[in-house]
Amino acid sequence: TLIPTTIGALLSAIGIAGMDRLVRFNVLAM
């Protein structure tokens, strides 16, 4: 409960989802 598990658990998903939003917008990020 002391360590920031929430952002630690979601950090990778946020990054992947950011690139995915671009792909769904028909933009491919290298």
ModelCIF file with pLDDT and N, C-alpha, C, O atoms, coordinates in Angstrom:
data_MODEL
#
_entry.id   MODEL 
#
_entity.id                         1 
_entity.type                       polymer 
_entity.pdbx_number_of_molecules   1 
#
_entity_poly.entity_id                      1 
_entity_poly.type                           'polypeptide(L)' 
_entity_poly.nstd_linkage                   no 
_entity_poly.nstd_monomer                   no 
_entity_poly.pdbx_seq_one_letter_code       TLIPTTIGALLSAIGIAGMDRLVRFNVLAM 
_entity_poly.pdbx_seq_one_letter_code_can   TLIPTTIGALLSAIGIAGMDRLVRFNVLAM 
_entity_poly.pdbx_strand_id                 A 
#
loop_
_entity_poly_seq.entity_id 
_entity_poly_seq.num 
_entity_poly_seq.mon_id 
_entity_poly_seq.hetero 
1 1  THR n 
1 2  LEU n 
1 3  ILE n 
1 4  PRO n 
1 5  THR n 
1 6  THR n 
1 7  ILE n 
1 8  GLY n 
1 9  ALA n 
1 10 LEU n 
1 11 LEU n 
1 12 SER n 
1 13 ALA n 
1 14 ILE n 
1 15 GLY n 
1 16 ILE n 
1 17 ALA n 
1 18 GLY n 
1 19 MET n 
1 20 ASP n 
1 21 ARG n 
1 22 LEU n 
1 23 VAL n 
1 24 ARG n 
1 25 PHE n 
1 26 ASN n 
1 27 VAL n 
1 28 LEU n 
1 29 ALA n 
1 30 MET n 
#
_struct_asym.id          A 
_struct_asym.entity_id   1 
#
loop_
_ma_qa_metric.id 
_ma_qa_metric.mode 
_ma_qa_metric.name 
_ma_qa_metric.software_group_id 
_ma_qa_metric.type 
1 global pLDDT . pLDDT 
2 local  pLDDT . pLDDT 
#
_ma_qa_metric_global.metric_id      1 
_ma_qa_metric_global.metric_value   82.23 
_ma_qa_metric_global.model_id       1 
_ma_qa_metric_global.ordinal_id     1 
#
loop_
_ma_qa_metric_local.label_asym_id 
_ma_qa_metric_local.label_comp_id 
_ma_qa_metric_local.label_seq_id 
_ma_qa_metric_local.metric_id 
_ma_qa_metric_local.metric_value 
_ma_qa_metric_local.model_id 
_ma_qa_metric_local.ordinal_id 
A THR 1  2 83.00 1 1  
A LEU 2  2 82.00 1 2  
A ILE 3  2 87.00 1 3  
A PRO 4  2 87.00 1 4  
A THR 5  2 89.00 1 5  
A THR 6  2 89.00 1 6  
A ILE 7  2 89.00 1 7  
A GLY 8  2 88.00 1 8  
A ALA 9  2 90.00 1 9  
A LEU 10 2 89.00 1 10 
A LEU 11 2 85.00 1 11 
A SER 12 2 83.00 1 12 
A ALA 13 2 84.00 1 13 
A ILE 14 2 85.00 1 14 
A GLY 15 2 80.00 1 15 
A ILE 16 2 79.00 1 16 
A ALA 17 2 80.00 1 17 
A GLY 18 2 80.00 1 18 
A MET 19 2 77.00 1 19 
A ASP 20 2 77.00 1 20 
A ARG 21 2 80.00 1 21 
A LEU 22 2 80.00 1 22 
A VAL 23 2 76.00 1 23 
A ARG 24 2 76.00 1 24 
A PHE 25 2 79.00 1 25 
A ASN 26 2 78.00 1 26 
A VAL 27 2 83.00 1 27 
A LEU 28 2 79.00 1 28 
A ALA 29 2 79.00 1 29 
A MET 30 2 74.00 1 30 
#
loop_
_atom_site.group_PDB 
_atom_site.id 
_atom_site.type_symbol 
_atom_site.label_atom_id 
_atom_site.label_alt_id 
_atom_site.label_comp_id 
_atom_site.label_asym_id 
_atom_site.label_entity_id 
_atom_site.label_seq_id 
_atom_site.pdbx_PDB_ins_code 
_atom_site.Cartn_x 
_atom_site.Cartn_y 
_atom_site.Cartn_z 
_atom_site.occupancy 
_atom_site.B_iso_or_equiv 
_atom_site.pdbx_formal_charge 
_atom_site.auth_seq_id 
_atom_site.auth_comp_id 
_atom_site.auth_asym_id 
_atom_site.auth_atom_id 
_atom_site.pdbx_PDB_model_num 
ATOM 1   N N  . THR A 1 1  ? 0.818  -1.214 0.000   1.00 83.00 ? 1  THR A N  1 
ATOM 2   C CA . THR A 1 1  ? 0.000  0.000  0.000   1.00 83.00 ? 1  THR A CA 1 
ATOM 3   C C  . THR A 1 1  ? 0.855  1.267  0.000   1.00 83.00 ? 1  THR A C  1 
ATOM 4   O O  . THR A 1 1  ? 0.395  2.331  -0.415  1.00 83.00 ? 1  THR A O  1 
ATOM 5   N N  . LEU A 1 2  ? 2.092  1.150  0.464   1.00 82.00 ? 2  LEU A N  1 
ATOM 6   C CA . LEU A 1 2  ? 2.988  2.313  0.460   1.00 82.00 ? 2  LEU A CA 1 
ATOM 7   C C  . LEU A 1 2  ? 3.480  2.643  -0.948  1.00 82.00 ? 2  LEU A C  1 
ATOM 8   O O  . LEU A 1 2  ? 3.503  3.811  -1.338  1.00 82.00 ? 2  LEU A O  1 
ATOM 9   N N  . ILE A 1 3  ? 3.872  1.626  -1.710  1.00 87.00 ? 3  ILE A N  1 
ATOM 10  C CA . ILE A 1 3  ? 4.453  1.880  -3.029  1.00 87.00 ? 3  ILE A CA 1 
ATOM 11  C C  . ILE A 1 3  ? 3.356  2.239  -4.035  1.00 87.00 ? 3  ILE A C  1 
ATOM 12  O O  . ILE A 1 3  ? 2.221  1.783  -3.894  1.00 87.00 ? 3  ILE A O  1 
ATOM 13  N N  . PRO A 1 4  ? 3.679  3.051  -5.048  1.00 87.00 ? 4  PRO A N  1 
ATOM 14  C CA . PRO A 1 4  ? 2.665  3.497  -6.028  1.00 87.00 ? 4  PRO A CA 1 
ATOM 15  C C  . PRO A 1 4  ? 2.326  2.396  -7.041  1.00 87.00 ? 4  PRO A C  1 
ATOM 16  O O  . PRO A 1 4  ? 2.709  2.470  -8.208  1.00 87.00 ? 4  PRO A O  1 
ATOM 17  N N  . THR A 1 5  ? 1.602  1.374  -6.569  1.00 89.00 ? 5  THR A N  1 
ATOM 18  C CA . THR A 1 5  ? 1.295  0.229  -7.435  1.00 89.00 ? 5  THR A CA 1 
ATOM 19  C C  . THR A 1 5  ? 0.360  0.596  -8.588  1.00 89.00 ? 5  THR A C  1 
ATOM 20  O O  . THR A 1 5  ? 0.439  0.001  -9.663  1.00 89.00 ? 5  THR A O  1 
ATOM 21  N N  . THR A 1 6  ? -0.516 1.560  -8.373  1.00 89.00 ? 6  THR A N  1 
ATOM 22  C CA . THR A 1 6  ? -1.509 1.884  -9.404  1.00 89.00 ? 6  THR A CA 1 
ATOM 23  C C  . THR A 1 6  ? -0.841 2.364  -10.686 1.00 89.00 ? 6  THR A C  1 
ATOM 24  O O  . THR A 1 6  ? -1.095 1.816  -11.759 1.00 89.00 ? 6  THR A O  1 
ATOM 25  N N  . ILE A 1 7  ? 0.012  3.385  -10.584 1.00 89.00 ? 7  ILE A N  1 
ATOM 26  C CA . ILE A 1 7  ? 0.674  3.897  -11.784 1.00 89.00 ? 7  ILE A CA 1 
ATOM 27  C C  . ILE A 1 7  ? 1.706  2.888  -12.284 1.00 89.00 ? 7  ILE A C  1 
ATOM 28  O O  . ILE A 1 7  ? 1.943  2.791  -13.488 1.00 89.00 ? 7  ILE A O  1 
ATOM 29  N N  . GLY A 1 8  ? 2.318  2.139  -11.371 1.00 88.00 ? 8  GLY A N  1 
ATOM 30  C CA . GLY A 1 8  ? 3.266  1.106  -11.790 1.00 88.00 ? 8  GLY A CA 1 
ATOM 31  C C  . GLY A 1 8  ? 2.592  0.045  -12.633 1.00 88.00 ? 8  GLY A C  1 
ATOM 32  O O  . GLY A 1 8  ? 3.188  -0.481 -13.574 1.00 88.00 ? 8  GLY A O  1 
ATOM 33  N N  . ALA A 1 9  ? 1.342  -0.273 -12.296 1.00 90.00 ? 9  ALA A N  1 
ATOM 34  C CA . ALA A 1 9  ? 0.606  -1.302 -13.035 1.00 90.00 ? 9  ALA A CA 1 
ATOM 35  C C  . ALA A 1 9  ? 0.135  -0.798 -14.393 1.00 90.00 ? 9  ALA A C  1 
ATOM 36  O O  . ALA A 1 9  ? 0.039  -1.572 -15.346 1.00 90.00 ? 9  ALA A O  1 
ATOM 37  N N  . LEU A 1 10 ? -0.159 0.500  -14.483 1.00 89.00 ? 10 LEU A N  1 
ATOM 38  C CA . LEU A 1 10 ? -0.785 1.034  -15.691 1.00 89.00 ? 10 LEU A CA 1 
ATOM 39  C C  . LEU A 1 10 ? 0.178  1.765  -16.619 1.00 89.00 ? 10 LEU A C  1 
ATOM 40  O O  . LEU A 1 10 ? -0.198 2.115  -17.738 1.00 89.00 ? 10 LEU A O  1 
ATOM 41  N N  . LEU A 1 11 ? 1.411  2.001  -16.179 1.00 85.00 ? 11 LEU A N  1 
ATOM 42  C CA . LEU A 1 11 ? 2.340  2.832  -16.953 1.00 85.00 ? 11 LEU A CA 1 
ATOM 43  C C  . LEU A 1 11 ? 2.591  2.270  -18.342 1.00 85.00 ? 11 LEU A C  1 
ATOM 44  O O  . LEU A 1 11 ? 2.540  3.000  -19.332 1.00 85.00 ? 11 LEU A O  1 
ATOM 45  N N  . SER A 1 12 ? 2.862  0.977  -18.414 1.00 83.00 ? 12 SER A N  1 
ATOM 46  C CA . SER A 1 12 ? 3.133  0.363  -19.717 1.00 83.00 ? 12 SER A CA 1 
ATOM 47  C C  . SER A 1 12 ? 1.907  0.412  -20.610 1.00 83.00 ? 12 SER A C  1 
ATOM 48  O O  . SER A 1 12 ? 2.023  0.682  -21.806 1.00 83.00 ? 12 SER A O  1 
ATOM 49  N N  . ALA A 1 13 ? 0.734  0.156  -20.049 1.00 84.00 ? 13 ALA A N  1 
ATOM 50  C CA . ALA A 1 13 ? -0.504 0.181  -20.831 1.00 84.00 ? 13 ALA A CA 1 
ATOM 51  C C  . ALA A 1 13 ? -0.775 1.565  -21.399 1.00 84.00 ? 13 ALA A C  1 
ATOM 52  O O  . ALA A 1 13 ? -1.274 1.691  -22.517 1.00 84.00 ? 13 ALA A O  1 
ATOM 53  N N  . ILE A 1 14 ? -0.449 2.608  -20.637 1.00 85.00 ? 14 ILE A N  1 
ATOM 54  C CA . ILE A 1 14 ? -0.653 3.984  -21.109 1.00 85.00 ? 14 ILE A CA 1 
ATOM 55  C C  . ILE A 1 14 ? 0.200  4.249  -22.343 1.00 85.00 ? 14 ILE A C  1 
ATOM 56  O O  . ILE A 1 14 ? -0.274 4.829  -23.319 1.00 85.00 ? 14 ILE A O  1 
ATOM 57  N N  . GLY A 1 15 ? 1.475  3.818  -22.295 1.00 80.00 ? 15 GLY A N  1 
ATOM 58  C CA . GLY A 1 15 ? 2.374  4.027  -23.428 1.00 80.00 ? 15 GLY A CA 1 
ATOM 59  C C  . GLY A 1 15 ? 1.937  3.277  -24.661 1.00 80.00 ? 15 GLY A C  1 
ATOM 60  O O  . GLY A 1 15 ? 1.934  3.827  -25.762 1.00 80.00 ? 15 GLY A O  1 
ATOM 61  N N  . ILE A 1 16 ? 1.563  2.007  -24.482 1.00 79.00 ? 16 ILE A N  1 
ATOM 62  C CA . ILE A 1 16 ? 1.109  1.197  -25.622 1.00 79.00 ? 16 ILE A CA 1 
ATOM 63  C C  . ILE A 1 16 ? -0.167 1.788  -26.209 1.00 79.00 ? 16 ILE A C  1 
ATOM 64  O O  . ILE A 1 16 ? -0.322 1.861  -27.428 1.00 79.00 ? 16 ILE A O  1 
ATOM 65  N N  . ALA A 1 17 ? -1.084 2.210  -25.331 1.00 80.00 ? 17 ALA A N  1 
ATOM 66  C CA . ALA A 1 17 ? -2.363 2.756  -25.800 1.00 80.00 ? 17 ALA A CA 1 
ATOM 67  C C  . ALA A 1 17 ? -2.160 4.065  -26.559 1.00 80.00 ? 17 ALA A C  1 
ATOM 68  O O  . ALA A 1 17 ? -2.920 4.366  -27.480 1.00 80.00 ? 17 ALA A O  1 
ATOM 69  N N  . GLY A 1 18 ? -1.146 4.848  -26.185 1.00 80.00 ? 18 GLY A N  1 
ATOM 70  C CA . GLY A 1 18 ? -0.868 6.098  -26.892 1.00 80.00 ? 18 GLY A CA 1 
ATOM 71  C C  . GLY A 1 18 ? -0.508 5.841  -28.341 1.00 80.00 ? 18 GLY A C  1 
ATOM 72  O O  . GLY A 1 18 ? -1.012 6.515  -29.239 1.00 80.00 ? 18 GLY A O  1 
ATOM 73  N N  . MET A 1 19 ? 0.375  4.857  -28.576 1.00 77.00 ? 19 MET A N  1 
ATOM 74  C CA . MET A 1 19 ? 0.733  4.504  -29.948 1.00 77.00 ? 19 MET A CA 1 
ATOM 75  C C  . MET A 1 19 ? -0.459 3.895  -30.678 1.00 77.00 ? 19 MET A C  1 
ATOM 76  O O  . MET A 1 19 ? -0.653 4.122  -31.872 1.00 77.00 ? 19 MET A O  1 
ATOM 77  N N  . ASP A 1 20 ? -1.254 3.119  -29.944 1.00 77.00 ? 20 ASP A N  1 
ATOM 78  C CA . ASP A 1 20 ? -2.419 2.481  -30.556 1.00 77.00 ? 20 ASP A CA 1 
ATOM 79  C C  . ASP A 1 20 ? -3.441 3.517  -31.012 1.00 77.00 ? 20 ASP A C  1 
ATOM 80  O O  . ASP A 1 20 ? -4.069 3.349  -32.057 1.00 77.00 ? 20 ASP A O  1 
ATOM 81  N N  . ARG A 1 21 ? -3.612 4.591  -30.232 1.00 80.00 ? 21 ARG A N  1 
ATOM 82  C CA . ARG A 1 21 ? -4.554 5.644  -30.636 1.00 80.00 ? 21 ARG A CA 1 
ATOM 83  C C  . ARG A 1 21 ? -4.119 6.275  -31.948 1.00 80.00 ? 21 ARG A C  1 
ATOM 84  O O  . ARG A 1 21 ? -4.950 6.601  -32.796 1.00 80.00 ? 21 ARG A O  1 
ATOM 85  N N  . LEU A 1 22 ? -2.808 6.445  -32.109 1.00 80.00 ? 22 LEU A N  1 
ATOM 86  C CA . LEU A 1 22 ? -2.302 6.994  -33.366 1.00 80.00 ? 22 LEU A CA 1 
ATOM 87  C C  . LEU A 1 22 ? -2.573 6.038  -34.519 1.00 80.00 ? 22 LEU A C  1 
ATOM 88  O O  . LEU A 1 22 ? -2.985 6.461  -35.599 1.00 80.00 ? 22 LEU A O  1 
ATOM 89  N N  . VAL A 1 23 ? -2.339 4.741  -34.289 1.00 76.00 ? 23 VAL A N  1 
ATOM 90  C CA . VAL A 1 23 ? -2.560 3.751  -35.343 1.00 76.00 ? 23 VAL A CA 1 
ATOM 91  C C  . VAL A 1 23 ? -4.026 3.755  -35.760 1.00 76.00 ? 23 VAL A C  1 
ATOM 92  O O  . VAL A 1 23 ? -4.335 3.682  -36.949 1.00 76.00 ? 23 VAL A O  1 
ATOM 93  N N  . ARG A 1 24 ? -4.921 3.838  -34.791 1.00 76.00 ? 24 ARG A N  1 
ATOM 94  C CA . ARG A 1 24 ? -6.346 3.851  -35.103 1.00 76.00 ? 24 ARG A CA 1 
ATOM 95  C C  . ARG A 1 24 ? -6.744 5.144  -35.808 1.00 76.00 ? 24 ARG A C  1 
ATOM 96  O O  . ARG A 1 24 ? -7.801 5.227  -36.432 1.00 76.00 ? 24 ARG A O  1 
ATOM 97  N N  . PHE A 1 25 ? -5.886 6.141  -35.698 1.00 79.00 ? 25 PHE A N  1 
ATOM 98  C CA . PHE A 1 25 ? -6.108 7.401  -36.404 1.00 79.00 ? 25 PHE A CA 1 
ATOM 99  C C  . PHE A 1 25 ? -5.391 7.377  -37.746 1.00 79.00 ? 25 PHE A C  1 
ATOM 100 O O  . PHE A 1 25 ? -5.273 8.396  -38.425 1.00 79.00 ? 25 PHE A O  1 
ATOM 101 N N  . ASN A 1 26 ? -4.906 6.167  -38.120 1.00 78.00 ? 26 ASN A N  1 
ATOM 102 C CA . ASN A 1 26 ? -4.194 5.943  -39.381 1.00 78.00 ? 26 ASN A CA 1 
ATOM 103 C C  . ASN A 1 26 ? -2.872 6.711  -39.458 1.00 78.00 ? 26 ASN A C  1 
ATOM 104 O O  . ASN A 1 26 ? -2.467 7.173  -40.524 1.00 78.00 ? 26 ASN A O  1 
ATOM 105 N N  . VAL A 1 27 ? -2.217 6.836  -38.314 1.00 83.00 ? 27 VAL A N  1 
ATOM 106 C CA . VAL A 1 27 ? -0.864 7.409  -38.274 1.00 83.00 ? 27 VAL A CA 1 
ATOM 107 C C  . VAL A 1 27 ? 0.041  6.377  -37.623 1.00 83.00 ? 27 VAL A C  1 
ATOM 108 O O  . VAL A 1 27 ? -0.253 5.880  -36.537 1.00 83.00 ? 27 VAL A O  1 
ATOM 109 N N  . LEU A 1 28 ? 1.133  6.060  -38.284 1.00 79.00 ? 28 LEU A N  1 
ATOM 110 C CA . LEU A 1 28 ? 2.057  5.046  -37.789 1.00 79.00 ? 28 LEU A CA 1 
ATOM 111 C C  . LEU A 1 28 ? 3.266  5.736  -37.172 1.00 79.00 ? 28 LEU A C  1 
ATOM 112 O O  . LEU A 1 28 ? 4.027  6.409  -37.867 1.00 79.00 ? 28 LEU A O  1 
ATOM 113 N N  . ALA A 1 29 ? 3.441  5.565  -35.855 1.00 79.00 ? 29 ALA A N  1 
ATOM 114 C CA . ALA A 1 29 ? 4.578  6.165  -35.163 1.00 79.00 ? 29 ALA A CA 1 
ATOM 115 C C  . ALA A 1 29 ? 5.734  5.179  -35.154 1.00 79.00 ? 29 ALA A C  1 
ATOM 116 O O  . ALA A 1 29 ? 5.572  4.021  -34.771 1.00 79.00 ? 29 ALA A O  1 
ATOM 117 N N  . MET A 1 30 ? 6.888  5.641  -35.575 1.00 74.00 ? 30 MET A N  1 
ATOM 118 C CA . MET A 1 30 ? 8.056  4.766  -35.613 1.00 74.00 ? 30 MET A CA 1 
ATOM 119 C C  . MET A 1 30 ? 8.625  4.509  -34.217 1.00 74.00 ? 30 MET A C  1 
ATOM 120 O O  . MET A 1 30 ? 9.613  3.789  -34.076 1.00 74.00 ? 30 MET A O  1 
#
